[in-house]
């Protein structure tokens, strides 16, 4: 059975479906018995979903807002 450290090392390959059948089964067996790793994989899946939904190009309004906030922060110092 995998250790938690080994699961973390293989998590990206597992989530990207790049593990062999044996590797996937090892991960699933570990996840069936380890609450912390199940939570970790759930968080990784959520992170992937958020990143996939982010726009590829920067949004101009966000850049302008970030600059404005940075200027305000500097003026308060």
C-alpha atoms as a PDB file:
ATOM      1  CA  UNK A   1       0.000   0.000   0.000  1.00  0.00           C
ATOM      2  CA  UNK A   2       1.108   3.552  -0.694  1.00  0.00           C
ATOM      3  CA  UNK A   3       2.183   5.880   2.058  1.00  0.00           C
ATOM      4  CA  UNK A   4       0.676   9.349   2.281  1.00  0.00           C
ATOM      5  CA  UNK A   5       3.935  10.802   0.963  1.00  0.00           C
ATOM      6  CA  UNK A   6       3.850   8.485  -2.054  1.00  0.00           C
ATOM      7  CA  UNK A   7       0.235   9.419  -2.738  1.00  0.00           C
ATOM      8  CA  UNK A   8       1.107  13.119  -2.740  1.00  0.00           C
ATOM      9  CA  UNK A   9       4.024  12.417  -5.095  1.00  0.00           C
ATOM     10  CA  UNK A  10       1.663  10.601  -7.496  1.00  0.00           C
ATOM     11  CA  UNK A  11      -1.350  12.890  -7.092  1.00  0.00           C
ATOM     12  CA  UNK A  12      -0.813  14.952 -10.255  1.00  0.00           C
ATOM     13  CA  UNK A  13      -0.369  11.844 -12.378  1.00  0.00           C
ATOM     14  CA  UNK A  14      -3.459  10.323 -10.757  1.00  0.00           C
ATOM     15  CA  UNK A  15      -5.597  13.398 -11.394  1.00  0.00           C
ATOM     16  CA  UNK A  16      -4.315  13.690 -14.975  1.00  0.00           C
ATOM     17  CA  UNK A  17      -5.013   9.966 -15.603  1.00  0.00           C
ATOM     18  CA  UNK A  18      -1.359   9.212 -16.328  1.00  0.00           C
ATOM     19  CA  UNK A  19      -0.959   6.315 -13.899  1.00  0.00           C
ATOM     20  CA  UNK A  20      -0.945   2.662 -14.870  1.00  0.00           C
ATOM     21  CA  UNK A  21      -3.837   0.473 -13.795  1.00  0.00           C
ATOM     22  CA  UNK A  22      -1.750  -0.794 -10.897  1.00  0.00           C
ATOM     23  CA  UNK A  23      -0.885   2.784  -9.880  1.00  0.00           C
ATOM     24  CA  UNK A  24      -4.524   3.886  -9.985  1.00  0.00           C
ATOM     25  CA  UNK A  25      -5.583   0.900  -7.911  1.00  0.00           C
ATOM     26  CA  UNK A  26      -2.871   1.645  -5.330  1.00  0.00           C
ATOM     27  CA  UNK A  27      -4.040   5.250  -5.070  1.00  0.00           C
ATOM     28  CA  UNK A  28      -7.697   4.242  -4.767  1.00  0.00           C
ATOM     29  CA  UNK A  29      -6.903   1.670  -2.089  1.00  0.00           C
ATOM     30  CA  UNK A  30      -5.025   4.279  -0.083  1.00  0.00           C
ATOM     31  CA  UNK A  31      -7.820   6.832  -0.537  1.00  0.00           C
ATOM     32  CA  UNK A  32     -10.359   4.275   0.700  1.00  0.00           C
ATOM     33  CA  UNK A  33      -8.497   4.110   4.005  1.00  0.00           C
ATOM     34  CA  UNK A  34      -7.059   7.607   4.476  1.00  0.00           C
ATOM     35  CA  UNK A  35      -9.335  10.552   5.236  1.00  0.00           C
ATOM     36  CA  UNK A  36      -6.528  13.105   5.018  1.00  0.00           C
ATOM     37  CA  UNK A  37      -5.483  12.015   1.560  1.00  0.00           C
ATOM     38  CA  UNK A  38      -9.112  11.979   0.370  1.00  0.00           C
ATOM     39  CA  UNK A  39      -9.358  15.582   1.562  1.00  0.00           C
ATOM     40  CA  UNK A  40      -6.060  16.413  -0.170  1.00  0.00           C
ATOM     41  CA  UNK A  41      -7.235  14.924  -3.491  1.00  0.00           C
ATOM     42  CA  UNK A  42     -10.564  16.755  -3.180  1.00  0.00           C
ATOM     43  CA  UNK A  43      -8.680  20.033  -2.680  1.00  0.00           C
ATOM     44  CA  UNK A  44      -6.425  19.282  -5.650  1.00  0.00           C
ATOM     45  CA  UNK A  45      -9.467  18.614  -7.855  1.00  0.00           C
ATOM     46  CA  UNK A  46     -11.023  21.882  -6.729  1.00  0.00           C
ATOM     47  CA  UNK A  47      -7.784  23.746  -7.480  1.00  0.00           C
ATOM     48  CA  UNK A  48      -7.655  22.219 -10.961  1.00  0.00           C
ATOM     49  CA  UNK A  49     -11.262  23.235 -11.620  1.00  0.00           C
ATOM     50  CA  UNK A  50     -10.605  26.821 -10.531  1.00  0.00           C
ATOM     51  CA  UNK A  51      -7.471  27.090 -12.656  1.00  0.00           C
ATOM     52  CA  UNK A  52      -9.267  25.678 -15.702  1.00  0.00           C
ATOM     53  CA  UNK A  53     -11.978  28.313 -15.371  1.00  0.00           C
ATOM     54  CA  UNK A  54      -9.554  31.217 -15.129  1.00  0.00           C
ATOM     55  CA  UNK A  55      -9.262  33.371 -18.234  1.00  0.00           C
ATOM     56  CA  UNK A  56      -6.140  32.768 -20.278  1.00  0.00           C
ATOM     57  CA  UNK A  57      -5.405  36.431 -20.877  1.00  0.00           C
ATOM     58  CA  UNK A  58      -5.269  38.944 -18.033  1.00  0.00           C
ATOM     59  CA  UNK A  59      -8.383  41.033 -17.673  1.00  0.00           C
ATOM     60  CA  UNK A  60      -7.591  44.728 -18.126  1.00  0.00           C
ATOM     61  CA  UNK A  61      -9.963  45.861 -15.382  1.00  0.00           C
ATOM     62  CA  UNK A  62      -8.279  43.583 -12.864  1.00  0.00           C
ATOM     63  CA  UNK A  63      -4.849  44.953 -13.752  1.00  0.00           C
ATOM     64  CA  UNK A  64      -6.128  48.509 -13.363  1.00  0.00           C
ATOM     65  CA  UNK A  65      -7.738  47.651 -10.027  1.00  0.00           C
ATOM     66  CA  UNK A  66      -4.529  46.007  -8.788  1.00  0.00           C
ATOM     67  CA  UNK A  67      -2.507  49.093  -9.740  1.00  0.00           C
ATOM     68  CA  UNK A  68      -5.007  51.382  -8.018  1.00  0.00           C
ATOM     69  CA  UNK A  69      -4.903  49.309  -4.830  1.00  0.00           C
ATOM     70  CA  UNK A  70      -1.100  49.255  -4.901  1.00  0.00           C
ATOM     71  CA  UNK A  71      -0.989  53.065  -5.214  1.00  0.00           C
ATOM     72  CA  UNK A  72      -3.440  53.439  -2.331  1.00  0.00           C
ATOM     73  CA  UNK A  73      -1.364  51.109  -0.175  1.00  0.00           C
ATOM     74  CA  UNK A  74       1.808  53.090  -0.949  1.00  0.00           C
ATOM     75  CA  UNK A  75       0.143  56.424  -0.199  1.00  0.00           C
ATOM     76  CA  UNK A  76      -0.936  55.177   3.248  1.00  0.00           C
ATOM     77  CA  UNK A  77       2.647  54.420   4.233  1.00  0.00           C
END
